[in-house]
mmCIF file of all heavy atoms, coordinates in Angstrom:
data_MODEL
# 
_entry.id   MODEL 
# 
loop_
_atom_site.group_PDB 
_atom_site.id 
_atom_site.type_symbol 
_atom_site.label_atom_id 
_atom_site.label_alt_id 
_atom_site.label_comp_id 
_atom_site.label_asym_id 
_atom_site.label_entity_id 
_atom_site.label_seq_id 
_atom_site.pdbx_PDB_ins_code 
_atom_site.Cartn_x 
_atom_site.Cartn_y 
_atom_site.Cartn_z 
_atom_site.occupancy 
_atom_site.B_iso_or_equiv 
_atom_site.pdbx_formal_charge 
_atom_site.auth_seq_id 
_atom_site.auth_comp_id 
_atom_site.auth_asym_id 
_atom_site.auth_atom_id 
_atom_site.pdbx_PDB_model_num 
ATOM 1   N N   . PRO A 1 1  ? 0.772  -1.252 -0.006  1.00 0.00 ? 1  PRO A N   1 
ATOM 2   C CA  . PRO A 1 1  ? -0.034 0.005  -0.020  1.00 0.00 ? 1  PRO A CA  1 
ATOM 3   C C   . PRO A 1 1  ? 0.815  1.255  -0.014  1.00 0.00 ? 1  PRO A C   1 
ATOM 4   O O   . PRO A 1 1  ? 0.292  2.335  -0.306  1.00 0.00 ? 1  PRO A O   1 
ATOM 5   C CB  . PRO A 1 1  ? -0.828 -0.117 1.296   1.00 0.00 ? 1  PRO A CB  1 
ATOM 6   C CG  . PRO A 1 1  ? -0.170 -1.113 2.144   1.00 0.00 ? 1  PRO A CG  1 
ATOM 7   C CD  . PRO A 1 1  ? 0.515  -2.066 1.186   1.00 0.00 ? 1  PRO A CD  1 
ATOM 8   N N   . ALA A 1 2  ? 2.117  1.215  0.325   1.00 0.00 ? 2  ALA A N   1 
ATOM 9   C CA  . ALA A 1 2  ? 2.997  2.357  0.318   1.00 0.00 ? 2  ALA A CA  1 
ATOM 10  C C   . ALA A 1 2  ? 3.667  2.610  -1.043  1.00 0.00 ? 2  ALA A C   1 
ATOM 11  O O   . ALA A 1 2  ? 4.533  3.435  -1.135  1.00 0.00 ? 2  ALA A O   1 
ATOM 12  C CB  . ALA A 1 2  ? 4.001  2.321  1.471   1.00 0.00 ? 2  ALA A CB  1 
ATOM 13  N N   . THR A 1 3  ? 3.301  1.815  -2.011  1.00 0.00 ? 3  THR A N   1 
ATOM 14  C CA  . THR A 1 3  ? 3.790  2.015  -3.363  1.00 0.00 ? 3  THR A CA  1 
ATOM 15  C C   . THR A 1 3  ? 3.372  3.380  -3.863  1.00 0.00 ? 3  THR A C   1 
ATOM 16  O O   . THR A 1 3  ? 2.205  3.733  -3.672  1.00 0.00 ? 3  THR A O   1 
ATOM 17  C CB  . THR A 1 3  ? 3.332  0.878  -4.262  1.00 0.00 ? 3  THR A CB  1 
ATOM 18  O OG1 . THR A 1 3  ? 3.822  -0.392 -3.700  1.00 0.00 ? 3  THR A OG1 1 
ATOM 19  C CG2 . THR A 1 3  ? 3.882  1.043  -5.685  1.00 0.00 ? 3  THR A CG2 1 
ATOM 20  N N   . TRP A 1 4  ? 4.265  4.079  -4.549  1.00 0.00 ? 4  TRP A N   1 
ATOM 21  C CA  . TRP A 1 4  ? 3.930  5.431  -5.029  1.00 0.00 ? 4  TRP A CA  1 
ATOM 22  C C   . TRP A 1 4  ? 4.689  5.738  -6.317  1.00 0.00 ? 4  TRP A C   1 
ATOM 23  O O   . TRP A 1 4  ? 5.760  5.165  -6.549  1.00 0.00 ? 4  TRP A O   1 
ATOM 24  C CB  . TRP A 1 4  ? 4.302  6.477  -3.952  1.00 0.00 ? 4  TRP A CB  1 
ATOM 25  C CG  . TRP A 1 4  ? 3.749  7.847  -4.202  1.00 0.00 ? 4  TRP A CG  1 
ATOM 26  C CD1 . TRP A 1 4  ? 4.326  8.836  -4.909  1.00 0.00 ? 4  TRP A CD1 1 
ATOM 27  C CD2 . TRP A 1 4  ? 2.485  8.363  -3.814  1.00 0.00 ? 4  TRP A CD2 1 
ATOM 28  N NE1 . TRP A 1 4  ? 3.540  9.929  -4.940  1.00 0.00 ? 4  TRP A NE1 1 
ATOM 29  C CE2 . TRP A 1 4  ? 2.387  9.626  -4.241  1.00 0.00 ? 4  TRP A CE2 1 
ATOM 30  C CE3 . TRP A 1 4  ? 1.463  7.813  -3.025  1.00 0.00 ? 4  TRP A CE3 1 
ATOM 31  C CZ2 . TRP A 1 4  ? 1.253  10.441 -4.021  1.00 0.00 ? 4  TRP A CZ2 1 
ATOM 32  C CZ3 . TRP A 1 4  ? 0.314  8.583  -2.811  1.00 0.00 ? 4  TRP A CZ3 1 
ATOM 33  C CH2 . TRP A 1 4  ? 0.271  9.892  -3.292  1.00 0.00 ? 4  TRP A CH2 1 
ATOM 34  N N   . PRO A 1 5  ? 4.153  6.602  -7.226  1.00 0.00 ? 5  PRO A N   1 
ATOM 35  C CA  . PRO A 1 5  ? 4.838  6.923  -8.450  1.00 0.00 ? 5  PRO A CA  1 
ATOM 36  C C   . PRO A 1 5  ? 6.219  7.512  -8.164  1.00 0.00 ? 5  PRO A C   1 
ATOM 37  O O   . PRO A 1 5  ? 6.395  8.307  -7.239  1.00 0.00 ? 5  PRO A O   1 
ATOM 38  C CB  . PRO A 1 5  ? 3.931  7.943  -9.164  1.00 0.00 ? 5  PRO A CB  1 
ATOM 39  C CG  . PRO A 1 5  ? 2.583  7.628  -8.601  1.00 0.00 ? 5  PRO A CG  1 
ATOM 40  C CD  . PRO A 1 5  ? 2.810  7.188  -7.192  1.00 0.00 ? 5  PRO A CD  1 
ATOM 41  N N   . GLY A 1 6  ? 7.182  7.128  -9.020  1.00 0.00 ? 6  GLY A N   1 
ATOM 42  C CA  . GLY A 1 6  ? 8.510  7.688  -8.922  1.00 0.00 ? 6  GLY A CA  1 
ATOM 43  C C   . GLY A 1 6  ? 8.726  8.785  -9.902  1.00 0.00 ? 6  GLY A C   1 
ATOM 44  O O   . GLY A 1 6  ? 8.159  9.883  -9.775  1.00 0.00 ? 6  GLY A O   1 
ATOM 45  N N   . HIS A 1 7  ? 9.478  8.509  -10.990 1.00 0.00 ? 7  HIS A N   1 
ATOM 46  C CA  . HIS A 1 7  ? 9.692  9.518  -12.033 1.00 0.00 ? 7  HIS A CA  1 
ATOM 47  C C   . HIS A 1 7  ? 9.059  9.108  -13.391 1.00 0.00 ? 7  HIS A C   1 
ATOM 48  O O   . HIS A 1 7  ? 8.758  7.893  -13.537 1.00 0.00 ? 7  HIS A O   1 
ATOM 49  C CB  . HIS A 1 7  ? 11.197 9.782  -12.221 1.00 0.00 ? 7  HIS A CB  1 
ATOM 50  C CG  . HIS A 1 7  ? 11.941 8.638  -12.737 1.00 0.00 ? 7  HIS A CG  1 
ATOM 51  N ND1 . HIS A 1 7  ? 12.565 7.675  -11.946 1.00 0.00 ? 7  HIS A ND1 1 
ATOM 52  C CD2 . HIS A 1 7  ? 12.270 8.271  -14.035 1.00 0.00 ? 7  HIS A CD2 1 
ATOM 53  C CE1 . HIS A 1 7  ? 13.149 6.738  -12.688 1.00 0.00 ? 7  HIS A CE1 1 
ATOM 54  N NE2 . HIS A 1 7  ? 13.016 7.079  -13.962 1.00 0.00 ? 7  HIS A NE2 1 
ATOM 55  N N   . VAL A 1 8  ? 8.874  10.069 -14.221 1.00 0.00 ? 8  VAL A N   1 
ATOM 56  C CA  . VAL A 1 8  ? 8.392  9.857  -15.554 1.00 0.00 ? 8  VAL A CA  1 
ATOM 57  C C   . VAL A 1 8  ? 9.543  10.192 -16.503 1.00 0.00 ? 8  VAL A C   1 
ATOM 58  O O   . VAL A 1 8  ? 10.238 11.186 -16.334 1.00 0.00 ? 8  VAL A O   1 
ATOM 59  C CB  . VAL A 1 8  ? 7.209  10.751 -15.875 1.00 0.00 ? 8  VAL A CB  1 
ATOM 60  C CG1 . VAL A 1 8  ? 6.827  10.662 -17.352 1.00 0.00 ? 8  VAL A CG1 1 
ATOM 61  C CG2 . VAL A 1 8  ? 6.022  10.394 -14.947 1.00 0.00 ? 8  VAL A CG2 1 
ATOM 62  N N   . HIS A 1 9  ? 9.799  9.298  -17.478 1.00 0.00 ? 9  HIS A N   1 
ATOM 63  C CA  . HIS A 1 9  ? 10.871 9.491  -18.454 1.00 0.00 ? 9  HIS A CA  1 
ATOM 64  C C   . HIS A 1 9  ? 10.319 9.717  -19.845 1.00 0.00 ? 9  HIS A C   1 
ATOM 65  O O   . HIS A 1 9  ? 9.526  8.871  -20.313 1.00 0.00 ? 9  HIS A O   1 
ATOM 66  C CB  . HIS A 1 9  ? 11.781 8.270  -18.406 1.00 0.00 ? 9  HIS A CB  1 
ATOM 67  C CG  . HIS A 1 9  ? 13.138 8.494  -19.042 1.00 0.00 ? 9  HIS A CG  1 
ATOM 68  N ND1 . HIS A 1 9  ? 14.236 7.797  -18.595 1.00 0.00 ? 9  HIS A ND1 1 
ATOM 69  C CD2 . HIS A 1 9  ? 13.563 9.311  -20.007 1.00 0.00 ? 9  HIS A CD2 1 
ATOM 70  C CE1 . HIS A 1 9  ? 15.279 8.201  -19.354 1.00 0.00 ? 9  HIS A CE1 1 
ATOM 71  N NE2 . HIS A 1 9  ? 14.888 9.092  -20.178 1.00 0.00 ? 9  HIS A NE2 1 
ATOM 72  N N   . LEU A 1 10 ? 10.642 10.893 -20.395 1.00 0.00 ? 10 LEU A N   1 
ATOM 73  C CA  . LEU A 1 10 ? 10.121 11.251 -21.722 1.00 0.00 ? 10 LEU A CA  1 
ATOM 74  C C   . LEU A 1 10 ? 11.247 11.264 -22.758 1.00 0.00 ? 10 LEU A C   1 
ATOM 75  O O   . LEU A 1 10 ? 12.372 11.665 -22.479 1.00 0.00 ? 10 LEU A O   1 
ATOM 76  C CB  . LEU A 1 10 ? 9.555  12.671 -21.677 1.00 0.00 ? 10 LEU A CB  1 
ATOM 77  C CG  . LEU A 1 10 ? 8.381  12.892 -20.682 1.00 0.00 ? 10 LEU A CG  1 
ATOM 78  C CD1 . LEU A 1 10 ? 7.998  14.384 -20.726 1.00 0.00 ? 10 LEU A CD1 1 
ATOM 79  C CD2 . LEU A 1 10 ? 7.227  12.019 -20.980 1.00 0.00 ? 10 LEU A CD2 1 
ATOM 80  N N   . ASN A 1 11 ? 10.902 10.829 -23.958 1.00 0.00 ? 11 ASN A N   1 
ATOM 81  C CA  . ASN A 1 11 ? 11.720 11.071 -25.146 1.00 0.00 ? 11 ASN A CA  1 
ATOM 82  C C   . ASN A 1 11 ? 11.389 12.396 -25.726 1.00 0.00 ? 11 ASN A C   1 
ATOM 83  O O   . ASN A 1 11 ? 10.201 12.679 -25.959 1.00 0.00 ? 11 ASN A O   1 
ATOM 84  C CB  . ASN A 1 11 ? 11.521 9.984  -26.177 1.00 0.00 ? 11 ASN A CB  1 
ATOM 85  C CG  . ASN A 1 11 ? 12.133 8.631  -25.821 1.00 0.00 ? 11 ASN A CG  1 
ATOM 86  O OD1 . ASN A 1 11 ? 13.153 8.552  -25.121 1.00 0.00 ? 11 ASN A OD1 1 
ATOM 87  N ND2 . ASN A 1 11 ? 11.479 7.555  -26.181 1.00 0.00 ? 11 ASN A ND2 1 
ATOM 88  N N   . VAL A 1 12 ? 12.370 13.258 -26.001 1.00 0.00 ? 12 VAL A N   1 
ATOM 89  C CA  . VAL A 1 12 ? 12.119 14.597 -26.440 1.00 0.00 ? 12 VAL A CA  1 
ATOM 90  C C   . VAL A 1 12 ? 12.964 14.907 -27.686 1.00 0.00 ? 12 VAL A C   1 
ATOM 91  O O   . VAL A 1 12 ? 13.995 14.288 -27.894 1.00 0.00 ? 12 VAL A O   1 
ATOM 92  C CB  . VAL A 1 12 ? 12.411 15.627 -25.314 1.00 0.00 ? 12 VAL A CB  1 
ATOM 93  C CG1 . VAL A 1 12 ? 11.487 15.364 -24.113 1.00 0.00 ? 12 VAL A CG1 1 
ATOM 94  C CG2 . VAL A 1 12 ? 13.850 15.678 -24.948 1.00 0.00 ? 12 VAL A CG2 1 
ATOM 95  N N   . ALA A 1 13 ? 12.515 15.867 -28.418 1.00 0.00 ? 13 ALA A N   1 
ATOM 96  C CA  . ALA A 1 13 ? 13.250 16.321 -29.632 1.00 0.00 ? 13 ALA A CA  1 
ATOM 97  C C   . ALA A 1 13 ? 14.247 17.410 -29.279 1.00 0.00 ? 13 ALA A C   1 
ATOM 98  O O   . ALA A 1 13 ? 15.387 17.422 -29.740 1.00 0.00 ? 13 ALA A O   1 
ATOM 99  C CB  . ALA A 1 13 ? 12.289 16.803 -30.680 1.00 0.00 ? 13 ALA A CB  1 
ATOM 100 N N   . ASP A 1 14 ? 13.834 18.348 -28.484 1.00 0.00 ? 14 ASP A N   1 
ATOM 101 C CA  . ASP A 1 14 ? 14.653 19.552 -28.113 1.00 0.00 ? 14 ASP A CA  1 
ATOM 102 C C   . ASP A 1 14 ? 14.957 19.480 -26.643 1.00 0.00 ? 14 ASP A C   1 
ATOM 103 O O   . ASP A 1 14 ? 14.155 19.987 -25.813 1.00 0.00 ? 14 ASP A O   1 
ATOM 104 C CB  . ASP A 1 14 ? 13.864 20.813 -28.471 1.00 0.00 ? 14 ASP A CB  1 
ATOM 105 C CG  . ASP A 1 14 ? 14.662 22.093 -28.123 1.00 0.00 ? 14 ASP A CG  1 
ATOM 106 O OD1 . ASP A 1 14 ? 15.795 22.009 -27.672 1.00 0.00 ? 14 ASP A OD1 1 
ATOM 107 O OD2 . ASP A 1 14 ? 14.046 23.145 -28.270 1.00 0.00 ? 14 ASP A OD2 1 
ATOM 108 N N   . LEU A 1 15 ? 16.053 18.868 -26.263 1.00 0.00 ? 15 LEU A N   1 
ATOM 109 C CA  . LEU A 1 15 ? 16.368 18.705 -24.859 1.00 0.00 ? 15 LEU A CA  1 
ATOM 110 C C   . LEU A 1 15 ? 16.558 20.034 -24.184 1.00 0.00 ? 15 LEU A C   1 
ATOM 111 O O   . LEU A 1 15 ? 16.031 20.262 -23.031 1.00 0.00 ? 15 LEU A O   1 
ATOM 112 C CB  . LEU A 1 15 ? 17.635 17.842 -24.725 1.00 0.00 ? 15 LEU A CB  1 
ATOM 113 C CG  . LEU A 1 15 ? 18.094 17.558 -23.267 1.00 0.00 ? 15 LEU A CG  1 
ATOM 114 C CD1 . LEU A 1 15 ? 16.995 16.813 -22.503 1.00 0.00 ? 15 LEU A CD1 1 
ATOM 115 C CD2 . LEU A 1 15 ? 19.368 16.727 -23.257 1.00 0.00 ? 15 LEU A CD2 1 
ATOM 116 N N   . GLU A 1 16 ? 17.306 20.949 -24.765 1.00 0.00 ? 16 GLU A N   1 
ATOM 117 C CA  . GLU A 1 16 ? 17.528 22.236 -24.138 1.00 0.00 ? 16 GLU A CA  1 
ATOM 118 C C   . GLU A 1 16 ? 16.237 23.023 -23.951 1.00 0.00 ? 16 GLU A C   1 
ATOM 119 O O   . GLU A 1 16 ? 16.044 23.614 -22.882 1.00 0.00 ? 16 GLU A O   1 
ATOM 120 C CB  . GLU A 1 16 ? 18.488 23.095 -25.023 1.00 0.00 ? 16 GLU A CB  1 
ATOM 121 C CG  . GLU A 1 16 ? 19.916 22.513 -25.240 1.00 0.00 ? 16 GLU A CG  1 
ATOM 122 C CD  . GLU A 1 16 ? 20.686 22.419 -23.980 1.00 0.00 ? 16 GLU A CD  1 
ATOM 123 O OE1 . GLU A 1 16 ? 20.353 23.125 -22.982 1.00 0.00 ? 16 GLU A OE1 1 
ATOM 124 O OE2 . GLU A 1 16 ? 21.654 21.645 -23.906 1.00 0.00 ? 16 GLU A OE2 1 
ATOM 125 N N   . GLY A 1 17 ? 15.373 22.995 -24.950 1.00 0.00 ? 17 GLY A N   1 
ATOM 126 C CA  . GLY A 1 17 ? 14.105 23.725 -24.824 1.00 0.00 ? 17 GLY A CA  1 
ATOM 127 C C   . GLY A 1 17 ? 13.236 23.115 -23.749 1.00 0.00 ? 17 GLY A C   1 
ATOM 128 O O   . GLY A 1 17 ? 12.579 23.850 -23.033 1.00 0.00 ? 17 GLY A O   1 
ATOM 129 N N   . GLN A 1 18 ? 13.233 21.765 -23.642 1.00 0.00 ? 18 GLN A N   1 
ATOM 130 C CA  . GLN A 1 18 ? 12.390 21.156 -22.626 1.00 0.00 ? 18 GLN A CA  1 
ATOM 131 C C   . GLN A 1 18 ? 12.953 21.418 -21.228 1.00 0.00 ? 18 GLN A C   1 
ATOM 132 O O   . GLN A 1 18 ? 12.165 21.619 -20.292 1.00 0.00 ? 18 GLN A O   1 
ATOM 133 C CB  . GLN A 1 18 ? 12.325 19.664 -22.896 1.00 0.00 ? 18 GLN A CB  1 
ATOM 134 C CG  . GLN A 1 18 ? 11.497 19.279 -24.153 1.00 0.00 ? 18 GLN A CG  1 
ATOM 135 C CD  . GLN A 1 18 ? 10.000 19.502 -23.963 1.00 0.00 ? 18 GLN A CD  1 
ATOM 136 O OE1 . GLN A 1 18 ? 9.540  20.623 -23.934 1.00 0.00 ? 18 GLN A OE1 1 
ATOM 137 N NE2 . GLN A 1 18 ? 9.264  18.409 -23.780 1.00 0.00 ? 18 GLN A NE2 1 
ATOM 138 N N   . ILE A 1 19 ? 14.275 21.341 -21.058 1.00 0.00 ? 19 ILE A N   1 
ATOM 139 C CA  . ILE A 1 19 ? 14.817 21.651 -19.762 1.00 0.00 ? 19 ILE A CA  1 
ATOM 140 C C   . ILE A 1 19 ? 14.439 23.121 -19.334 1.00 0.00 ? 19 ILE A C   1 
ATOM 141 O O   . ILE A 1 19 ? 14.035 23.330 -18.233 1.00 0.00 ? 19 ILE A O   1 
ATOM 142 C CB  . ILE A 1 19 ? 16.344 21.509 -19.801 1.00 0.00 ? 19 ILE A CB  1 
ATOM 143 C CG1 . ILE A 1 19 ? 16.744 19.999 -19.878 1.00 0.00 ? 19 ILE A CG1 1 
ATOM 144 C CG2 . ILE A 1 19 ? 16.988 22.118 -18.520 1.00 0.00 ? 19 ILE A CG2 1 
ATOM 145 C CD1 . ILE A 1 19 ? 18.244 19.837 -20.104 1.00 0.00 ? 19 ILE A CD1 1 
ATOM 146 N N   . SER A 1 20 ? 14.555 24.016 -20.322 1.00 0.00 ? 20 SER A N   1 
ATOM 147 C CA  . SER A 1 20 ? 14.219 25.394 -19.980 1.00 0.00 ? 20 SER A CA  1 
ATOM 148 C C   . SER A 1 20 ? 12.778 25.565 -19.634 1.00 0.00 ? 20 SER A C   1 
ATOM 149 O O   . SER A 1 20 ? 12.399 26.201 -18.647 1.00 0.00 ? 20 SER A O   1 
ATOM 150 C CB  . SER A 1 20 ? 14.542 26.289 -21.194 1.00 0.00 ? 20 SER A CB  1 
ATOM 151 O OG  . SER A 1 20 ? 14.138 27.655 -21.012 1.00 0.00 ? 20 SER A OG  1 
ATOM 152 N N   . PHE A 1 21 ? 11.869 24.883 -20.349 1.00 0.00 ? 21 PHE A N   1 
ATOM 153 C CA  . PHE A 1 21 ? 10.421 24.957 -20.055 1.00 0.00 ? 21 PHE A CA  1 
ATOM 154 C C   . PHE A 1 21 ? 10.131 24.463 -18.645 1.00 0.00 ? 21 PHE A C   1 
ATOM 155 O O   . PHE A 1 21 ? 9.434  25.112 -17.868 1.00 0.00 ? 21 PHE A O   1 
ATOM 156 C CB  . PHE A 1 21 ? 9.654  24.175 -21.082 1.00 0.00 ? 21 PHE A CB  1 
ATOM 157 C CG  . PHE A 1 21 ? 8.202  24.033 -20.748 1.00 0.00 ? 21 PHE A CG  1 
ATOM 158 C CD1 . PHE A 1 21 ? 7.280  24.995 -21.091 1.00 0.00 ? 21 PHE A CD1 1 
ATOM 159 C CD2 . PHE A 1 21 ? 7.731  22.882 -20.071 1.00 0.00 ? 21 PHE A CD2 1 
ATOM 160 C CE1 . PHE A 1 21 ? 5.933  24.841 -20.765 1.00 0.00 ? 21 PHE A CE1 1 
ATOM 161 C CE2 . PHE A 1 21 ? 6.404  22.710 -19.746 1.00 0.00 ? 21 PHE A CE2 1 
ATOM 162 C CZ  . PHE A 1 21 ? 5.462  23.743 -20.067 1.00 0.00 ? 21 PHE A CZ  1 
ATOM 163 N N   . TYR A 1 22 ? 10.660 23.295 -18.315 1.00 0.00 ? 22 TYR A N   1 
ATOM 164 C CA  . TYR A 1 22 ? 10.305 22.718 -17.003 1.00 0.00 ? 22 TYR A CA  1 
ATOM 165 C C   . TYR A 1 22 ? 10.900 23.469 -15.866 1.00 0.00 ? 22 TYR A C   1 
ATOM 166 O O   . TYR A 1 22 ? 10.341 23.482 -14.775 1.00 0.00 ? 22 TYR A O   1 
ATOM 167 C CB  . TYR A 1 22 ? 10.686 21.223 -16.980 1.00 0.00 ? 22 TYR A CB  1 
ATOM 168 C CG  . TYR A 1 22 ? 9.651  20.369 -17.735 1.00 0.00 ? 22 TYR A CG  1 
ATOM 169 C CD1 . TYR A 1 22 ? 9.891  19.880 -19.000 1.00 0.00 ? 22 TYR A CD1 1 
ATOM 170 C CD2 . TYR A 1 22 ? 8.463  20.070 -17.126 1.00 0.00 ? 22 TYR A CD2 1 
ATOM 171 C CE1 . TYR A 1 22 ? 8.965  19.132 -19.681 1.00 0.00 ? 22 TYR A CE1 1 
ATOM 172 C CE2 . TYR A 1 22 ? 7.532  19.317 -17.758 1.00 0.00 ? 22 TYR A CE2 1 
ATOM 173 C CZ  . TYR A 1 22 ? 7.767  18.841 -19.081 1.00 0.00 ? 22 TYR A CZ  1 
ATOM 174 O OH  . TYR A 1 22 ? 6.808  18.119 -19.734 1.00 0.00 ? 22 TYR A OH  1 
ATOM 175 N N   . GLN A 1 23 ? 12.005 24.196 -16.088 1.00 0.00 ? 23 GLN A N   1 
ATOM 176 C CA  . GLN A 1 23 ? 12.582 25.056 -15.026 1.00 0.00 ? 23 GLN A CA  1 
ATOM 177 C C   . GLN A 1 23 ? 11.827 26.383 -14.969 1.00 0.00 ? 23 GLN A C   1 
ATOM 178 O O   . GLN A 1 23 ? 11.357 26.734 -13.884 1.00 0.00 ? 23 GLN A O   1 
ATOM 179 C CB  . GLN A 1 23 ? 14.056 25.325 -15.350 1.00 0.00 ? 23 GLN A CB  1 
ATOM 180 C CG  . GLN A 1 23 ? 14.981 24.142 -15.084 1.00 0.00 ? 23 GLN A CG  1 
ATOM 181 C CD  . GLN A 1 23 ? 16.420 24.556 -15.406 1.00 0.00 ? 23 GLN A CD  1 
ATOM 182 O OE1 . GLN A 1 23 ? 16.809 24.716 -16.535 1.00 0.00 ? 23 GLN A OE1 1 
ATOM 183 N NE2 . GLN A 1 23 ? 17.227 24.618 -14.365 1.00 0.00 ? 23 GLN A NE2 1 
ATOM 184 N N   . ARG A 1 24 ? 11.676 27.048 -16.060 1.00 0.00 ? 24 ARG A N   1 
ATOM 185 C CA  . ARG A 1 24 ? 11.117 28.408 -16.085 1.00 0.00 ? 24 ARG A CA  1 
ATOM 186 C C   . ARG A 1 24 ? 9.598  28.436 -15.886 1.00 0.00 ? 24 ARG A C   1 
ATOM 187 O O   . ARG A 1 24 ? 9.113  29.256 -15.118 1.00 0.00 ? 24 ARG A O   1 
ATOM 188 C CB  . ARG A 1 24 ? 11.525 29.089 -17.399 1.00 0.00 ? 24 ARG A CB  1 
ATOM 189 C CG  . ARG A 1 24 ? 11.035 30.548 -17.557 1.00 0.00 ? 24 ARG A CG  1 
ATOM 190 C CD  . ARG A 1 24 ? 11.547 31.117 -18.832 1.00 0.00 ? 24 ARG A CD  1 
ATOM 191 N NE  . ARG A 1 24 ? 10.910 30.442 -20.006 1.00 0.00 ? 24 ARG A NE  1 
ATOM 192 C CZ  . ARG A 1 24 ? 9.774  30.853 -20.563 1.00 0.00 ? 24 ARG A CZ  1 
ATOM 193 N NH1 . ARG A 1 24 ? 9.133  31.944 -20.118 1.00 0.00 ? 24 ARG A NH1 1 
ATOM 194 N NH2 . ARG A 1 24 ? 9.298  30.174 -21.576 1.00 0.00 ? 24 ARG A NH2 1 
ATOM 195 N N   . VAL A 1 25 ? 8.923  27.510 -16.495 1.00 0.00 ? 25 VAL A N   1 
ATOM 196 C CA  . VAL A 1 25 ? 7.475  27.513 -16.495 1.00 0.00 ? 25 VAL A CA  1 
ATOM 197 C C   . VAL A 1 25 ? 6.853  26.690 -15.378 1.00 0.00 ? 25 VAL A C   1 
ATOM 198 O O   . VAL A 1 25 ? 5.984  27.116 -14.635 1.00 0.00 ? 25 VAL A O   1 
ATOM 199 C CB  . VAL A 1 25 ? 6.897  27.086 -17.850 1.00 0.00 ? 25 VAL A CB  1 
ATOM 200 C CG1 . VAL A 1 25 ? 5.351  26.988 -17.812 1.00 0.00 ? 25 VAL A CG1 1 
ATOM 201 C CG2 . VAL A 1 25 ? 7.371  28.055 -18.947 1.00 0.00 ? 25 VAL A CG2 1 
ATOM 202 N N   . ILE A 1 26 ? 7.356  25.465 -15.198 1.00 0.00 ? 26 ILE A N   1 
ATOM 203 C CA  . ILE A 1 26 ? 6.816  24.568 -14.205 1.00 0.00 ? 26 ILE A CA  1 
ATOM 204 C C   . ILE A 1 26 ? 7.412  24.810 -12.821 1.00 0.00 ? 26 ILE A C   1 
ATOM 205 O O   . ILE A 1 26 ? 6.731  24.728 -11.817 1.00 0.00 ? 26 ILE A O   1 
ATOM 206 C CB  . ILE A 1 26 ? 6.969  23.127 -14.605 1.00 0.00 ? 26 ILE A CB  1 
ATOM 207 C CG1 . ILE A 1 26 ? 6.256  22.855 -15.980 1.00 0.00 ? 26 ILE A CG1 1 
ATOM 208 C CG2 . ILE A 1 26 ? 6.374  22.184 -13.551 1.00 0.00 ? 26 ILE A CG2 1 
ATOM 209 C CD1 . ILE A 1 26 ? 4.792  23.128 -15.935 1.00 0.00 ? 26 ILE A CD1 1 
ATOM 210 N N   . GLY A 1 27 ? 8.682  25.108 -12.818 1.00 0.00 ? 27 GLY A N   1 
ATOM 211 C CA  . GLY A 1 27 ? 9.392  25.366 -11.475 1.00 0.00 ? 27 GLY A CA  1 
ATOM 212 C C   . GLY A 1 27 ? 10.214 24.196 -10.983 1.00 0.00 ? 27 GLY A C   1 
ATOM 213 O O   . GLY A 1 27 ? 10.562 24.201 -9.744  1.00 0.00 ? 27 GLY A O   1 
ATOM 214 N N   . LEU A 1 28 ? 10.538 23.242 -11.838 1.00 0.00 ? 28 LEU A N   1 
ATOM 215 C CA  . LEU A 1 28 ? 11.412 22.180 -11.454 1.00 0.00 ? 28 LEU A CA  1 
ATOM 216 C C   . LEU A 1 28 ? 12.871 22.635 -11.480 1.00 0.00 ? 28 LEU A C   1 
ATOM 217 O O   . LEU A 1 28 ? 13.212 23.603 -12.151 1.00 0.00 ? 28 LEU A O   1 
ATOM 218 C CB  . LEU A 1 28 ? 11.241 20.968 -12.377 1.00 0.00 ? 28 LEU A CB  1 
ATOM 219 C CG  . LEU A 1 28 ? 9.910  20.233 -12.368 1.00 0.00 ? 28 LEU A CG  1 
ATOM 220 C CD1 . LEU A 1 28 ? 9.852  19.112 -13.433 1.00 0.00 ? 28 LEU A CD1 1 
ATOM 221 C CD2 . LEU A 1 28 ? 9.597  19.719 -11.016 1.00 0.00 ? 28 LEU A CD2 1 
ATOM 222 N N   . GLN A 1 29 ? 13.759 21.931 -10.806 1.00 0.00 ? 29 GLN A N   1 
ATOM 223 C CA  . GLN A 1 29 ? 15.203 22.232 -10.750 1.00 0.00 ? 29 GLN A CA  1 
ATOM 224 C C   . GLN A 1 29 ? 15.902 21.184 -11.576 1.00 0.00 ? 29 GLN A C   1 
ATOM 225 O O   . GLN A 1 29 ? 15.476 19.974 -11.626 1.00 0.00 ? 29 GLN A O   1 
ATOM 226 C CB  . GLN A 1 29 ? 15.687 22.188 -9.312  1.00 0.00 ? 29 GLN A CB  1 
ATOM 227 C CG  . GLN A 1 29 ? 14.974 23.089 -8.364  1.00 0.00 ? 29 GLN A CG  1 
ATOM 228 C CD  . GLN A 1 29 ? 15.401 22.820 -6.934  1.00 0.00 ? 29 GLN A CD  1 
ATOM 229 O OE1 . GLN A 1 29 ? 16.564 22.623 -6.634  1.00 0.00 ? 29 GLN A OE1 1 
ATOM 230 N NE2 . GLN A 1 29 ? 14.426 22.770 -6.043  1.00 0.00 ? 29 GLN A NE2 1 
# 
């Protein structure tokens, strides 16, 4: 019952752009 989601792994085309989006827009580090 203590099982919980870990991470999600995505295949992306523009790695730099996606890193920037998730930092600037979503607030991830």
